[in-house]
Amino acid sequence: MKKQITYGYELIINLYECDLKTISSRRKIKEYVDTLCRLIKMRQYGKTLIPYFGEKAPHTKGYSLVQLIETSSITGHFSESLNSAYINIFSCQYFNKEKARKFTKDFFGAKRIKSYYIKRK
C-alpha cells in the first residue's frame, strides 16, 4: 500500500464578539497578517489585498483579506454587523496551529472562538 503524503495543513478559525475597531481597520488587518506570517514563519508573496465590499447585505459588509504566501495563502472575511471574523490559513509547510490560533484570537479581541484543523492529503 502506498504511503499517503500530507499535502498541506489548514487552520479554519471563526472568531466571535471581536473588537469592532480592529476588524473595521484596514491598517490593523494588514498588521495582523504581517505579524502572523512572521510568527508562523511564512514568507509573503506579493501585496496583501484588503478590499472593503459586500455592502448589499449587512452581514457580508466589511473587509476581506487575501495574502498569498510562498506555500499557499491566508484569507479572511470580517463582518462588522456580526462582529465576527473568519480566517483560513493553508500551507504546504507545517506551522504551529496553536500559536496561530491564540495570536488570531488575541489580536482581534475575540471573546469566543471555534477552530478546525485539517491535514490535506
N, C-alpha and C. Protein backbone atom coordinates (compact mmCIF):
# COMPACT_ATOMS: atom_id res chain seq x y z
N MET A 1 0.84 -1.18 0.00
CA MET A 1 0.00 0.00 0.00
C MET A 1 0.89 1.24 0.00
N LYS A 2 0.56 2.18 -0.84
CA LYS A 2 1.33 3.42 -0.97
C LYS A 2 1.06 4.35 0.21
N LYS A 3 2.13 4.87 0.81
CA LYS A 3 2.00 5.79 1.94
C LYS A 3 1.44 7.12 1.46
N GLN A 4 0.42 7.62 2.18
CA GLN A 4 -0.16 8.93 1.83
C GLN A 4 0.71 10.05 2.37
N ILE A 5 1.00 11.00 1.53
CA ILE A 5 1.79 12.16 1.92
C ILE A 5 0.85 13.30 2.25
N THR A 6 1.14 13.99 3.34
CA THR A 6 0.35 15.18 3.67
C THR A 6 0.73 16.28 2.71
N TYR A 7 -0.27 16.78 1.98
CA TYR A 7 -0.04 17.86 1.02
C TYR A 7 0.05 19.21 1.73
N GLY A 8 -0.81 19.40 2.72
CA GLY A 8 -0.82 20.68 3.40
C GLY A 8 -1.63 20.65 4.67
N TYR A 9 -1.62 21.78 5.35
CA TYR A 9 -2.27 21.93 6.64
C TYR A 9 -3.18 23.15 6.58
N GLU A 10 -4.41 23.00 7.05
CA GLU A 10 -5.36 24.11 7.01
C GLU A 10 -5.95 24.34 8.39
N LEU A 11 -5.88 25.59 8.81
CA LEU A 11 -6.48 26.01 10.07
C LEU A 11 -7.61 26.97 9.73
N ILE A 12 -8.81 26.60 10.17
CA ILE A 12 -10.01 27.41 9.94
C ILE A 12 -10.39 27.99 11.30
N ILE A 13 -10.49 29.31 11.36
CA ILE A 13 -10.76 29.98 12.63
C ILE A 13 -11.99 30.88 12.47
N ASN A 14 -12.99 30.65 13.31
CA ASN A 14 -14.16 31.53 13.38
C ASN A 14 -14.07 32.29 14.70
N LEU A 15 -14.10 33.60 14.63
CA LEU A 15 -13.99 34.45 15.81
C LEU A 15 -15.29 35.21 16.03
N TYR A 16 -15.75 35.26 17.28
CA TYR A 16 -17.00 35.92 17.60
C TYR A 16 -16.77 36.96 18.70
N GLU A 17 -17.62 37.99 18.69
CA GLU A 17 -17.54 39.08 19.66
C GLU A 17 -16.14 39.71 19.63
N CYS A 18 -15.73 40.08 18.43
CA CYS A 18 -14.41 40.69 18.21
C CYS A 18 -14.43 42.18 18.58
N ASP A 19 -13.24 42.75 18.64
CA ASP A 19 -13.12 44.19 18.81
C ASP A 19 -13.49 44.86 17.48
N LEU A 20 -14.58 45.62 17.48
CA LEU A 20 -15.09 46.21 16.24
C LEU A 20 -14.09 47.16 15.58
N LYS A 21 -13.37 47.93 16.36
CA LYS A 21 -12.38 48.85 15.79
C LYS A 21 -11.29 48.10 15.03
N THR A 22 -10.90 46.95 15.55
CA THR A 22 -9.83 46.18 14.90
C THR A 22 -10.32 45.54 13.61
N ILE A 23 -11.48 44.89 13.61
CA ILE A 23 -11.95 44.23 12.38
C ILE A 23 -12.43 45.23 11.33
N SER A 24 -12.57 46.50 11.73
CA SER A 24 -13.01 47.55 10.80
C SER A 24 -11.86 48.41 10.31
N SER A 25 -10.64 48.01 10.57
CA SER A 25 -9.46 48.80 10.23
C SER A 25 -8.56 48.08 9.23
N ARG A 26 -8.42 48.63 8.05
CA ARG A 26 -7.52 48.07 7.03
C ARG A 26 -6.10 47.99 7.59
N ARG A 27 -5.67 49.03 8.29
CA ARG A 27 -4.32 49.09 8.85
C ARG A 27 -4.09 47.96 9.86
N LYS A 28 -5.08 47.70 10.73
CA LYS A 28 -4.95 46.64 11.74
C LYS A 28 -4.96 45.25 11.08
N ILE A 29 -5.77 45.07 10.05
CA ILE A 29 -5.81 43.78 9.35
C ILE A 29 -4.47 43.51 8.68
N LYS A 30 -3.87 44.54 8.10
CA LYS A 30 -2.53 44.41 7.49
C LYS A 30 -1.49 44.08 8.56
N GLU A 31 -1.57 44.75 9.69
CA GLU A 31 -0.66 44.46 10.81
C GLU A 31 -0.81 43.00 11.26
N TYR A 32 -2.05 42.54 11.32
CA TYR A 32 -2.32 41.15 11.70
C TYR A 32 -1.60 40.17 10.77
N VAL A 33 -1.80 40.32 9.47
CA VAL A 33 -1.24 39.33 8.53
C VAL A 33 0.28 39.42 8.51
N ASP A 34 0.85 40.61 8.60
CA ASP A 34 2.31 40.74 8.62
C ASP A 34 2.89 40.05 9.85
N THR A 35 2.28 40.28 11.01
CA THR A 35 2.76 39.68 12.26
C THR A 35 2.55 38.17 12.27
N LEU A 36 1.38 37.72 11.80
CA LEU A 36 1.10 36.29 11.73
C LEU A 36 2.14 35.57 10.87
N CYS A 37 2.46 36.14 9.72
CA CYS A 37 3.43 35.50 8.83
C CYS A 37 4.79 35.35 9.50
N ARG A 38 5.22 36.36 10.24
CA ARG A 38 6.48 36.25 10.98
C ARG A 38 6.37 35.17 12.06
N LEU A 39 5.25 35.18 12.78
CA LEU A 39 5.05 34.25 13.89
C LEU A 39 5.08 32.78 13.44
N ILE A 40 4.42 32.48 12.33
CA ILE A 40 4.36 31.08 11.88
C ILE A 40 5.38 30.78 10.77
N LYS A 41 6.30 31.73 10.57
CA LYS A 41 7.43 31.55 9.65
C LYS A 41 7.01 31.29 8.21
N MET A 42 6.10 32.16 7.72
CA MET A 42 5.65 32.08 6.33
C MET A 42 6.11 33.34 5.59
N ARG A 43 6.56 33.16 4.36
CA ARG A 43 7.00 34.30 3.55
C ARG A 43 5.86 34.78 2.68
N GLN A 44 5.57 36.07 2.79
CA GLN A 44 4.52 36.66 1.97
C GLN A 44 4.96 36.70 0.51
N TYR A 45 4.01 36.49 -0.37
CA TYR A 45 4.26 36.52 -1.80
C TYR A 45 3.32 37.55 -2.40
N GLY A 46 3.86 38.69 -2.77
CA GLY A 46 3.05 39.76 -3.34
C GLY A 46 2.38 40.60 -2.26
N LYS A 47 1.61 41.56 -2.74
CA LYS A 47 0.94 42.50 -1.85
C LYS A 47 -0.26 41.86 -1.16
N THR A 48 -0.57 42.39 0.02
CA THR A 48 -1.77 41.97 0.75
C THR A 48 -2.97 42.68 0.14
N LEU A 49 -3.99 41.95 -0.20
CA LEU A 49 -5.23 42.53 -0.71
C LEU A 49 -6.21 42.63 0.45
N ILE A 50 -6.75 43.84 0.67
CA ILE A 50 -7.71 44.05 1.75
C ILE A 50 -8.85 44.94 1.23
N PRO A 51 -9.70 44.41 0.37
CA PRO A 51 -10.82 45.20 -0.15
C PRO A 51 -11.98 45.28 0.84
N TYR A 52 -12.73 46.35 0.73
CA TYR A 52 -13.94 46.54 1.54
C TYR A 52 -15.13 46.40 0.59
N PHE A 53 -16.01 45.46 0.87
CA PHE A 53 -17.16 45.26 -0.02
C PHE A 53 -18.24 44.46 0.67
N GLY A 54 -19.19 43.95 -0.09
CA GLY A 54 -20.28 43.16 0.47
C GLY A 54 -21.38 44.01 1.05
N GLU A 55 -21.51 45.23 0.54
CA GLU A 55 -22.43 46.20 1.14
C GLU A 55 -23.91 45.96 0.82
N LYS A 56 -24.23 44.95 0.03
CA LYS A 56 -25.63 44.68 -0.30
C LYS A 56 -26.37 43.98 0.84
N ALA A 57 -25.62 43.36 1.76
CA ALA A 57 -26.23 42.68 2.90
C ALA A 57 -25.42 43.04 4.15
N PRO A 58 -26.10 43.38 5.24
CA PRO A 58 -25.37 43.80 6.45
C PRO A 58 -24.34 42.79 6.94
N HIS A 59 -24.66 41.50 6.90
CA HIS A 59 -23.74 40.50 7.46
C HIS A 59 -22.50 40.27 6.59
N THR A 60 -22.52 40.68 5.31
CA THR A 60 -21.36 40.50 4.44
C THR A 60 -20.53 41.77 4.29
N LYS A 61 -21.01 42.87 4.82
CA LYS A 61 -20.32 44.15 4.70
C LYS A 61 -19.07 44.16 5.58
N GLY A 62 -17.94 44.47 4.96
CA GLY A 62 -16.69 44.55 5.71
C GLY A 62 -15.49 44.25 4.84
N TYR A 63 -14.35 44.14 5.49
CA TYR A 63 -13.11 43.86 4.78
C TYR A 63 -12.96 42.37 4.52
N SER A 64 -12.23 42.07 3.46
CA SER A 64 -11.75 40.72 3.21
C SER A 64 -10.24 40.81 3.09
N LEU A 65 -9.58 39.71 3.29
CA LEU A 65 -8.13 39.65 3.29
C LEU A 65 -7.67 38.50 2.41
N VAL A 66 -6.72 38.78 1.53
CA VAL A 66 -6.07 37.72 0.76
C VAL A 66 -4.57 38.01 0.78
N GLN A 67 -3.82 37.06 1.32
CA GLN A 67 -2.37 37.16 1.31
C GLN A 67 -1.81 35.84 0.81
N LEU A 68 -1.22 35.89 -0.38
CA LEU A 68 -0.53 34.68 -0.85
C LEU A 68 0.74 34.54 -0.04
N ILE A 69 1.09 33.32 0.27
CA ILE A 69 2.36 33.02 0.92
C ILE A 69 3.07 32.03 0.01
N GLU A 70 4.36 31.89 0.16
CA GLU A 70 5.11 31.02 -0.74
C GLU A 70 4.62 29.58 -0.72
N THR A 71 3.95 29.19 0.35
CA THR A 71 3.46 27.82 0.44
C THR A 71 1.94 27.70 0.33
N SER A 72 1.23 28.79 0.07
CA SER A 72 -0.20 28.81 -0.23
C SER A 72 -0.84 30.15 0.09
N SER A 73 -1.76 30.23 1.10
CA SER A 73 -2.46 31.50 1.30
C SER A 73 -3.05 31.64 2.70
N ILE A 74 -3.32 32.90 3.03
CA ILE A 74 -4.06 33.27 4.24
C ILE A 74 -5.21 34.13 3.76
N THR A 75 -6.42 33.77 4.14
CA THR A 75 -7.58 34.55 3.74
C THR A 75 -8.44 34.86 4.96
N GLY A 76 -9.24 35.90 4.84
CA GLY A 76 -10.11 36.26 5.94
C GLY A 76 -11.27 37.11 5.47
N HIS A 77 -12.35 37.03 6.20
CA HIS A 77 -13.54 37.85 5.94
C HIS A 77 -14.01 38.37 7.29
N PHE A 78 -14.37 39.65 7.32
CA PHE A 78 -14.71 40.34 8.56
C PHE A 78 -16.10 40.94 8.43
N SER A 79 -16.99 40.57 9.35
CA SER A 79 -18.37 41.07 9.33
C SER A 79 -18.54 42.07 10.47
N GLU A 80 -18.76 43.32 10.09
CA GLU A 80 -18.96 44.36 11.10
C GLU A 80 -20.28 44.19 11.83
N SER A 81 -21.34 43.82 11.12
CA SER A 81 -22.65 43.71 11.77
C SER A 81 -22.73 42.50 12.70
N LEU A 82 -22.01 41.43 12.38
CA LEU A 82 -21.98 40.25 13.24
C LEU A 82 -20.84 40.31 14.25
N ASN A 83 -19.96 41.30 14.07
CA ASN A 83 -18.80 41.48 14.97
C ASN A 83 -17.97 40.19 15.01
N SER A 84 -17.71 39.65 13.80
CA SER A 84 -17.04 38.36 13.71
C SER A 84 -15.99 38.37 12.60
N ALA A 85 -15.12 37.37 12.64
CA ALA A 85 -14.07 37.22 11.64
C ALA A 85 -13.92 35.74 11.30
N TYR A 86 -13.57 35.48 10.06
CA TYR A 86 -13.46 34.12 9.56
C TYR A 86 -12.13 34.00 8.81
N ILE A 87 -11.18 33.30 9.39
CA ILE A 87 -9.80 33.24 8.89
C ILE A 87 -9.48 31.82 8.44
N ASN A 88 -8.78 31.68 7.31
CA ASN A 88 -8.26 30.41 6.84
C ASN A 88 -6.76 30.55 6.59
N ILE A 89 -6.00 29.65 7.17
CA ILE A 89 -4.56 29.60 6.93
C ILE A 89 -4.29 28.24 6.30
N PHE A 90 -3.79 28.24 5.08
CA PHE A 90 -3.47 26.98 4.39
C PHE A 90 -2.03 27.03 3.93
N SER A 91 -1.27 25.98 4.22
CA SER A 91 0.12 25.94 3.81
C SER A 91 0.56 24.50 3.57
N CYS A 92 1.40 24.32 2.58
CA CYS A 92 2.02 23.01 2.35
C CYS A 92 3.14 22.79 3.36
N GLN A 93 3.58 23.85 4.00
CA GLN A 93 4.61 23.77 5.04
C GLN A 93 3.92 23.73 6.40
N TYR A 94 4.38 22.85 7.28
CA TYR A 94 3.81 22.76 8.61
C TYR A 94 3.96 24.09 9.34
N PHE A 95 2.96 24.45 10.16
CA PHE A 95 3.05 25.64 11.01
C PHE A 95 2.42 25.30 12.35
N ASN A 96 2.77 26.07 13.36
CA ASN A 96 2.27 25.84 14.72
C ASN A 96 0.83 26.36 14.81
N LYS A 97 -0.12 25.45 14.77
CA LYS A 97 -1.54 25.83 14.75
C LYS A 97 -1.97 26.49 16.05
N GLU A 98 -1.42 26.07 17.18
CA GLU A 98 -1.81 26.67 18.46
C GLU A 98 -1.34 28.12 18.57
N LYS A 99 -0.12 28.38 18.11
CA LYS A 99 0.38 29.76 18.10
C LYS A 99 -0.50 30.65 17.22
N ALA A 100 -0.83 30.14 16.03
CA ALA A 100 -1.64 30.90 15.08
C ALA A 100 -3.04 31.15 15.65
N ARG A 101 -3.61 30.15 16.26
CA ARG A 101 -4.96 30.24 16.84
C ARG A 101 -5.00 31.27 17.97
N LYS A 102 -4.06 31.16 18.92
CA LYS A 102 -4.03 32.06 20.07
C LYS A 102 -3.76 33.50 19.63
N PHE A 103 -2.78 33.68 18.74
CA PHE A 103 -2.45 35.02 18.27
C PHE A 103 -3.66 35.66 17.59
N THR A 104 -4.35 34.90 16.74
CA THR A 104 -5.50 35.42 16.00
C THR A 104 -6.62 35.82 16.96
N LYS A 105 -6.93 34.98 17.92
CA LYS A 105 -7.97 35.28 18.91
C LYS A 105 -7.62 36.55 19.69
N ASP A 106 -6.39 36.61 20.17
CA ASP A 106 -5.95 37.77 20.96
C ASP A 106 -5.91 39.05 20.13
N PHE A 107 -5.40 38.96 18.91
CA PHE A 107 -5.26 40.14 18.06
C PHE A 107 -6.62 40.80 17.79
N PHE A 108 -7.62 40.01 17.50
CA PHE A 108 -8.94 40.55 17.18
C PHE A 108 -9.83 40.69 18.40
N GLY A 109 -9.30 40.40 19.57
CA GLY A 109 -10.04 40.58 20.81
C GLY A 109 -11.31 39.75 20.89
N ALA A 110 -11.27 38.56 20.30
CA ALA A 110 -12.47 37.71 20.27
C ALA A 110 -12.76 37.12 21.65
N LYS A 111 -14.02 37.13 22.00
CA LYS A 111 -14.44 36.52 23.27
C LYS A 111 -14.71 35.02 23.09
N ARG A 112 -15.07 34.63 21.85
CA ARG A 112 -15.33 33.21 21.57
C ARG A 112 -14.63 32.83 20.27
N ILE A 113 -14.24 31.57 20.20
CA ILE A 113 -13.54 31.08 19.00
C ILE A 113 -13.95 29.63 18.74
N LYS A 114 -14.05 29.29 17.47
CA LYS A 114 -14.19 27.90 17.03
C LYS A 114 -13.12 27.71 15.97
N SER A 115 -12.42 26.60 16.05
CA SER A 115 -11.41 26.36 15.03
C SER A 115 -11.40 24.89 14.63
N TYR A 116 -10.92 24.65 13.43
CA TYR A 116 -10.84 23.32 12.86
C TYR A 116 -9.48 23.20 12.19
N TYR A 117 -8.86 22.04 12.33
CA TYR A 117 -7.54 21.80 11.75
C TYR A 117 -7.64 20.58 10.86
N ILE A 118 -7.18 20.72 9.64
CA ILE A 118 -7.29 19.66 8.65
C ILE A 118 -5.92 19.39 8.06
N LYS A 119 -5.53 18.12 8.02
CA LYS A 119 -4.36 17.71 7.25
C LYS A 119 -4.88 17.31 5.88
N ARG A 120 -4.42 18.00 4.85
CA ARG A 120 -4.89 17.72 3.49
C ARG A 120 -3.96 16.69 2.85
N LYS A 121 -4.55 15.62 2.35
CA LYS A 121 -3.76 14.54 1.73
C LYS A 121 -4.13 14.36 0.29
